[in-house]
PDB file of N, CA and C in Angstrom:
ATOM      1  N   MET A   1       1.698  34.016  27.862  1.00  0.00           N
ATOM      2  CA  MET A   1       0.808  34.175  25.888  1.00  0.00           C
ATOM      3  C   MET A   1       2.081  33.045  25.146  1.00  0.00           C
ATOM      4  N   LYS A   2       2.565  32.955  25.337  1.00  0.00           N
ATOM      5  CA  LYS A   2       3.759  32.534  24.819  1.00  0.00           C
ATOM      6  C   LYS A   2       3.950  31.069  24.910  1.00  0.00           C
ATOM      7  N   LEU A   3       3.869  30.614  26.311  1.00  0.00           N
ATOM      8  CA  LEU A   3       3.915  29.932  27.692  1.00  0.00           C
ATOM      9  C   LEU A   3       3.028  28.566  27.168  1.00  0.00           C
ATOM     10  N   LYS A   4       2.018  29.628  26.993  1.00  0.00           N
ATOM     11  CA  LYS A   4       0.619  29.128  26.663  1.00  0.00           C
ATOM     12  C   LYS A   4       0.349  28.043  24.807  1.00  0.00           C
ATOM     13  N   PHE A   5       1.075  29.080  24.124  1.00  0.00           N
ATOM     14  CA  PHE A   5       0.698  28.807  22.866  1.00  0.00           C
ATOM     15  C   PHE A   5       1.952  27.560  22.336  1.00  0.00           C
ATOM     16  N   ALA A   6       2.835  26.797  23.529  1.00  0.00           N
ATOM     17  CA  ALA A   6       4.314  26.522  22.832  1.00  0.00           C
ATOM     18  C   ALA A   6       3.433  25.148  23.752  1.00  0.00           C
ATOM     19  N   ALA A   7       2.463  25.196  24.307  1.00  0.00           N
ATOM     20  CA  ALA A   7       2.460  24.260  25.305  1.00  0.00           C
ATOM     21  C   ALA A   7       1.220  22.943  24.860  1.00  0.00           C
ATOM     22  N   VAL A   8       0.326  24.422  23.933  1.00  0.00           N
ATOM     23  CA  VAL A   8      -0.666  23.752  22.716  1.00  0.00           C
ATOM     24  C   VAL A   8      -0.032  23.181  21.784  1.00  0.00           C
ATOM     25  N   SER A   9       0.511  23.897  20.971  1.00  0.00           N
ATOM     26  CA  SER A   9       1.088  23.102  20.281  1.00  0.00           C
ATOM     27  C   SER A   9       2.253  21.898  20.499  1.00  0.00           C
ATOM     28  N   ALA A  10       2.785  22.474  21.670  1.00  0.00           N
ATOM     29  CA  ALA A  10       3.820  20.659  22.149  1.00  0.00           C
ATOM     30  C   ALA A  10       2.531  19.564  22.412  1.00  0.00           C
ATOM     31  N   PHE A  11       1.583  20.115  23.078  1.00  0.00           N
ATOM     32  CA  PHE A  11       0.564  18.413  22.682  1.00  0.00           C
ATOM     33  C   PHE A  11      -0.432  17.585  21.116  1.00  0.00           C
ATOM     34  N   ALA A  12      -0.448  19.200  20.535  1.00  0.00           N
ATOM     35  CA  ALA A  12      -0.893  18.729  18.900  1.00  0.00           C
ATOM     36  C   ALA A  12       0.101  17.763  17.846  1.00  0.00           C
ATOM     37  N   LEU A  13       1.438  18.401  18.247  1.00  0.00           N
ATOM     38  CA  LEU A  13       2.602  17.657  18.087  1.00  0.00           C
ATOM     39  C   LEU A  13       2.627  16.633  18.355  1.00  0.00           C
ATOM     40  N   VAL A  14       2.492  15.934  20.017  1.00  0.00           N
ATOM     41  CA  VAL A  14       1.671  13.882  20.247  1.00  0.00           C
ATOM     42  C   VAL A  14       1.234  13.845  19.606  1.00  0.00           C
ATOM     43  N   LEU A  15      -0.038  14.265  19.681  1.00  0.00           N
ATOM     44  CA  LEU A  15      -1.212  13.630  19.545  1.00  0.00           C
ATOM     45  C   LEU A  15      -1.486  13.548  17.426  1.00  0.00           C
ATOM     46  N   ALA A  16      -0.622  14.795  16.912  1.00  0.00           N
ATOM     47  CA  ALA A  16      -0.233  13.822  15.734  1.00  0.00           C
ATOM     48  C   ALA A  16       0.491  12.605  15.251  1.00  0.00           C
ATOM     49  N   ALA A  17       1.361  12.265  16.409  1.00  0.00           N
ATOM     50  CA  ALA A  17       2.120  11.838  16.228  1.00  0.00           C
ATOM     51  C   ALA A  17       1.520  10.300  16.571  1.00  0.00           C
ATOM     52  N   CYS A  18       0.638  10.431  17.540  1.00  0.00           N
ATOM     53  CA  CYS A  18       0.057   9.312  17.650  1.00  0.00           C
ATOM     54  C   CYS A  18      -1.286   8.765  16.995  1.00  0.00           C
ATOM     55  N   SER A  19      -1.737   9.897  15.626  1.00  0.00           N
ATOM     56  CA  SER A  19      -2.726   9.425  14.587  1.00  0.00           C
ATOM     57  C   SER A  19      -2.491   8.126  14.203  1.00  0.00           C
ATOM     58  N   GLN A  20      -3.136   7.141  14.506  1.00  0.00           N
ATOM     59  CA  GLN A  20      -3.892   6.072  13.112  1.00  0.00           C
ATOM     60  C   GLN A  20      -3.171   6.525  11.794  1.00  0.00           C
ATOM     61  N   GLN A  21      -1.880   5.221  11.630  1.00  0.00           N
ATOM     62  CA  GLN A  21      -1.968   5.598  10.261  1.00  0.00           C
ATOM     63  C   GLN A  21      -2.005   4.960   9.028  1.00  0.00           C
ATOM     64  N   GLU A  22      -1.770   5.405   8.180  1.00  0.00           N
ATOM     65  CA  GLU A  22      -2.963   4.544   7.254  1.00  0.00           C
ATOM     66  C   GLU A  22      -1.894   3.654   6.513  1.00  0.00           C
ATOM     67  N   GLU A  23      -2.915   2.022   5.984  1.00  0.00           N
ATOM     68  CA  GLU A  23      -2.630   1.260   5.760  1.00  0.00           C
ATOM     69  C   GLU A  23      -2.221   1.858   4.408  1.00  0.00           C
ATOM     70  N   PRO A  24      -0.431   1.472   3.541  1.00  0.00           N
ATOM     71  CA  PRO A  24      -0.109   1.884   2.259  1.00  0.00           C
ATOM     72  C   PRO A  24      -1.100   0.438   1.628  1.00  0.00           C
ATOM     73  N   THR A  25      -1.356   0.893   0.410  1.00  0.00           N
ATOM     74  CA  THR A  25      -2.353   0.105  -0.250  1.00  0.00           C
ATOM     75  C   THR A  25      -1.611  -0.125  -2.121  1.00  0.00           C
ATOM     76  N   PRO A  26      -1.279  -1.856  -1.809  1.00  0.00           N
ATOM     77  CA  PRO A  26      -0.106  -2.842  -2.852  1.00  0.00           C
ATOM     78  C   PRO A  26      -0.864  -2.599  -4.231  1.00  0.00           C
ATOM     79  N   VAL A  27       0.203  -2.322  -4.882  1.00  0.00           N
ATOM     80  CA  VAL A  27       0.322  -1.978  -6.109  1.00  0.00           C
ATOM     81  C   VAL A  27       0.290  -2.918  -7.251  1.00  0.00           C
ATOM     82  N   TYR A  28      -0.621  -3.180  -8.059  1.00  0.00           N
ATOM     83  CA  TYR A  28      -0.113  -5.056  -8.792  1.00  0.00           C
ATOM     84  C   TYR A  28       0.268  -4.552  -9.922  1.00  0.00           C
ATOM     85  N   ILE A  29       0.260  -4.739 -10.673  1.00  0.00           N
ATOM     86  CA  ILE A  29       0.090  -5.085 -12.460  1.00  0.00           C
ATOM     87  C   ILE A  29      -0.664  -6.068 -13.194  1.00  0.00           C
ATOM     88  N   THR A  30      -1.162  -5.849 -14.287  1.00  0.00           N
ATOM     89  CA  THR A  30      -1.893  -6.637 -14.954  1.00  0.00           C
ATOM     90  C   THR A  30      -1.876  -8.019 -16.127  1.00  0.00           C
ATOM     91  N   PRO A  31      -2.192  -9.103 -15.350  1.00  0.00           N
ATOM     92  CA  PRO A  31      -1.289 -10.071 -16.518  1.00  0.00           C
ATOM     93  C   PRO A  31      -1.658  -9.734 -17.894  1.00  0.00           C
ATOM     94  N   ASP A  32      -0.493 -10.542 -18.733  1.00  0.00           N
ATOM     95  CA  ASP A  32      -0.379 -10.805 -20.272  1.00  0.00           C
ATOM     96  C   ASP A  32      -1.737 -11.481 -20.341  1.00  0.00           C
ATOM     97  N   TYR A  33      -2.522 -12.020 -21.263  1.00  0.00           N
ATOM     98  CA  TYR A  33      -3.129 -13.728 -21.339  1.00  0.00           C
ATOM     99  C   TYR A  33      -2.452 -13.442 -23.265  1.00  0.00           C
ATOM    100  N   ASP A  34      -2.773 -15.082 -23.085  1.00  0.00           N
ATOM    101  CA  ASP A  34      -3.090 -15.692 -24.182  1.00  0.00           C
ATOM    102  C   ASP A  34      -3.809 -15.874 -25.016  1.00  0.00           C
ATOM    103  N   LYS A  35      -3.443 -15.955 -26.291  1.00  0.00           N
ATOM    104  CA  LYS A  35      -5.157 -16.255 -26.611  1.00  0.00           C
ATOM    105  C   LYS A  35      -6.484 -17.229 -26.223  1.00  0.00           C
ATOM    106  N   TYR A  36      -6.059 -18.671 -25.211  1.00  0.00           N
ATOM    107  CA  TYR A  36      -6.690 -18.780 -25.021  1.00  0.00           C
ATOM    108  C   TYR A  36      -6.640 -18.911 -23.346  1.00  0.00           C
ATOM    109  N   GLY A  37      -6.688 -17.320 -22.827  1.00  0.00           N
ATOM    110  CA  GLY A  37      -7.131 -16.817 -21.515  1.00  0.00           C
ATOM    111  C   GLY A  37      -5.890 -17.948 -20.427  1.00  0.00           C
ATOM    112  N   THR A  38      -4.852 -17.989 -20.748  1.00  0.00           N
ATOM    113  CA  THR A  38      -3.887 -18.049 -20.229  1.00  0.00           C
ATOM    114  C   THR A  38      -3.065 -17.357 -19.219  1.00  0.00           C
ATOM    115  N   PRO A  39      -2.931 -16.498 -17.656  1.00  0.00           N
ATOM    116  CA  PRO A  39      -1.918 -15.343 -17.586  1.00  0.00           C
ATOM    117  C   PRO A  39      -1.018 -15.578 -17.683  1.00  0.00           C
ATOM    118  N   SER A  40       0.330 -14.980 -18.030  1.00  0.00           N
ATOM    119  CA  SER A  40       1.186 -14.878 -17.754  1.00  0.00           C
ATOM    120  C   SER A  40       1.900 -13.694 -17.437  1.00  0.00           C
ATOM    121  N   CYS A  41       2.712 -13.658 -16.185  1.00  0.00           N
ATOM    122  CA  CYS A  41       3.437 -12.201 -15.513  1.00  0.00           C
ATOM    123  C   CYS A  41       4.973 -12.028 -16.605  1.00  0.00           C
ATOM    124  N   PRO A  42       5.205 -10.419 -15.986  1.00  0.00           N
ATOM    125  CA  PRO A  42       6.884 -10.378 -16.435  1.00  0.00           C
ATOM    126  C   PRO A  42       7.947 -10.986 -15.540  1.00  0.00           C
ATOM    127  N   ALA A  43       9.251 -10.677 -15.762  1.00  0.00           N
ATOM    128  CA  ALA A  43      10.274 -10.963 -14.869  1.00  0.00           C
ATOM    129  C   ALA A  43      10.188 -10.090 -13.558  1.00  0.00           C
ATOM    130  N   GLY A  44       9.998 -10.951 -12.701  1.00  0.00           N
ATOM    131  CA  GLY A  44      10.221 -10.563 -10.905  1.00  0.00           C
ATOM    132  C   GLY A  44       8.806 -10.630 -10.424  1.00  0.00           C
ATOM    133  N   THR A  45       7.829 -10.808 -11.150  1.00  0.00           N
ATOM    134  CA  THR A  45       6.451 -11.014 -10.331  1.00  0.00           C
ATOM    135  C   THR A  45       6.087 -12.687 -10.346  1.00  0.00           C
ATOM    136  N   ASP A  46       5.704 -12.402  -9.704  1.00  0.00           N
ATOM    137  CA  ASP A  46       4.529 -14.288  -9.408  1.00  0.00           C
ATOM    138  C   ASP A  46       2.961 -13.986  -8.945  1.00  0.00           C
ATOM    139  N   LEU A  47       2.727 -14.556 -10.520  1.00  0.00           N
ATOM    140  CA  LEU A  47       0.755 -14.837 -10.234  1.00  0.00           C
ATOM    141  C   LEU A  47       0.397 -15.460  -9.761  1.00  0.00           C
ATOM    142  N   ALA A  48      -0.141 -13.935  -8.552  1.00  0.00           N
ATOM    143  CA  ALA A  48      -1.655 -13.736  -7.342  1.00  0.00           C
ATOM    144  C   ALA A  48      -2.942 -13.902  -7.527  1.00  0.00           C
ATOM    145  N   THR A  49      -3.368 -13.979  -6.734  1.00  0.00           N
ATOM    146  CA  THR A  49      -4.819 -13.225  -7.016  1.00  0.00           C
ATOM    147  C   THR A  49      -5.366 -13.193  -5.891  1.00  0.00           C
ATOM    148  N   THR A  50      -6.000 -11.049  -5.526  1.00  0.00           N
ATOM    149  CA  THR A  50      -6.411 -10.770  -4.606  1.00  0.00           C
ATOM    150  C   THR A  50      -7.834 -11.905  -3.707  1.00  0.00           C
ATOM    151  N   GLU A  51      -7.687 -11.271  -2.795  1.00  0.00           N
ATOM    152  CA  GLU A  51      -9.011 -10.758  -2.073  1.00  0.00           C
ATOM    153  C   GLU A  51     -10.345 -10.979  -2.605  1.00  0.00           C
ATOM    154  N   ALA A  52      -9.792 -10.500  -3.402  1.00  0.00           N
ATOM    155  CA  ALA A  52     -11.535  -9.656  -4.224  1.00  0.00           C
ATOM    156  C   ALA A  52     -11.593 -10.715  -5.353  1.00  0.00           C
ATOM    157  N   GLY A  53     -10.642 -12.244  -5.519  1.00  0.00           N
ATOM    158  CA  GLY A  53     -10.716 -12.657  -6.447  1.00  0.00           C
ATOM    159  C   GLY A  53      -9.750 -12.478  -7.616  1.00  0.00           C
ATOM    160  N   GLN A  54      -9.569 -11.351  -8.232  1.00  0.00           N
ATOM    161  CA  GLN A  54      -8.651 -10.712  -9.261  1.00  0.00           C
ATOM    162  C   GLN A  54      -7.150 -11.238  -9.000  1.00  0.00           C
ATOM    163  N   THR A  55      -6.862 -12.287 -11.096  1.00  0.00           N
ATOM    164  CA  THR A  55      -5.581 -12.631 -10.924  1.00  0.00           C
ATOM    165  C   THR A  55      -5.114 -11.125 -11.150  1.00  0.00           C
ATOM    166  N   VAL A  56      -3.578 -11.070 -10.552  1.00  0.00           N
ATOM    167  CA  VAL A  56      -2.758 -10.376 -11.195  1.00  0.00           C
ATOM    168  C   VAL A  56      -1.344 -10.001 -10.408  1.00  0.00           C
ATOM    169  N   CYS A  57       0.167  -9.598 -10.463  1.00  0.00           N
ATOM    170  CA  CYS A  57       0.987 -10.540 -10.270  1.00  0.00           C
ATOM    171  C   CYS A  57       1.934  -9.363  -9.579  1.00  0.00           C
ATOM    172  N   ASN A  58       2.038  -9.837  -8.765  1.00  0.00           N
ATOM    173  CA  ASN A  58       2.902  -9.607  -7.682  1.00  0.00           C
ATOM    174  C   ASN A  58       4.479  -9.501  -7.854  1.00  0.00           C
ATOM    175  N   PRO A  59       4.022  -8.173  -7.044  1.00  0.00           N
ATOM    176  CA  PRO A  59       6.153  -8.461  -7.344  1.00  0.00           C
ATOM    177  C   PRO A  59       6.614  -9.071  -5.842  1.00  0.00           C
ATOM    178  N   THR A  60       7.705 -10.151  -6.677  1.00  0.00           N
ATOM    179  CA  THR A  60       8.686 -11.005  -5.914  1.00  0.00           C
ATOM    180  C   THR A  60       9.913  -9.808  -4.658  1.00  0.00           C
ATOM    181  N   ALA A  61       9.680 -10.570  -3.385  1.00  0.00           N
ATOM    182  CA  ALA A  61      10.244  -9.926  -1.874  1.00  0.00           C
ATOM    183  C   ALA A  61      11.825  -9.630  -3.066  1.00  0.00           C
ATOM    184  N   GLN A  62      12.643  -9.329  -2.804  1.00  0.00           N
ATOM    185  CA  GLN A  62      13.946  -8.721  -3.208  1.00  0.00           C
ATOM    186  C   GLN A  62      15.403  -9.236  -2.456  1.00  0.00           C
TER     187      GLN A  62
END
């Protein structure tokens, strides 16, 4: 019985390790807008546009 349990546990462990991992969701910062509607981002970020067309501040690579 213990051998059967160990085999099932090992199979479950291998199956869990091979399961598809979820892609991380990027975190963006909302830009600040001046009175003319011009967006600006804080230091360490760049102005970018997402695939959905939103204007965001994207952190720069260090």
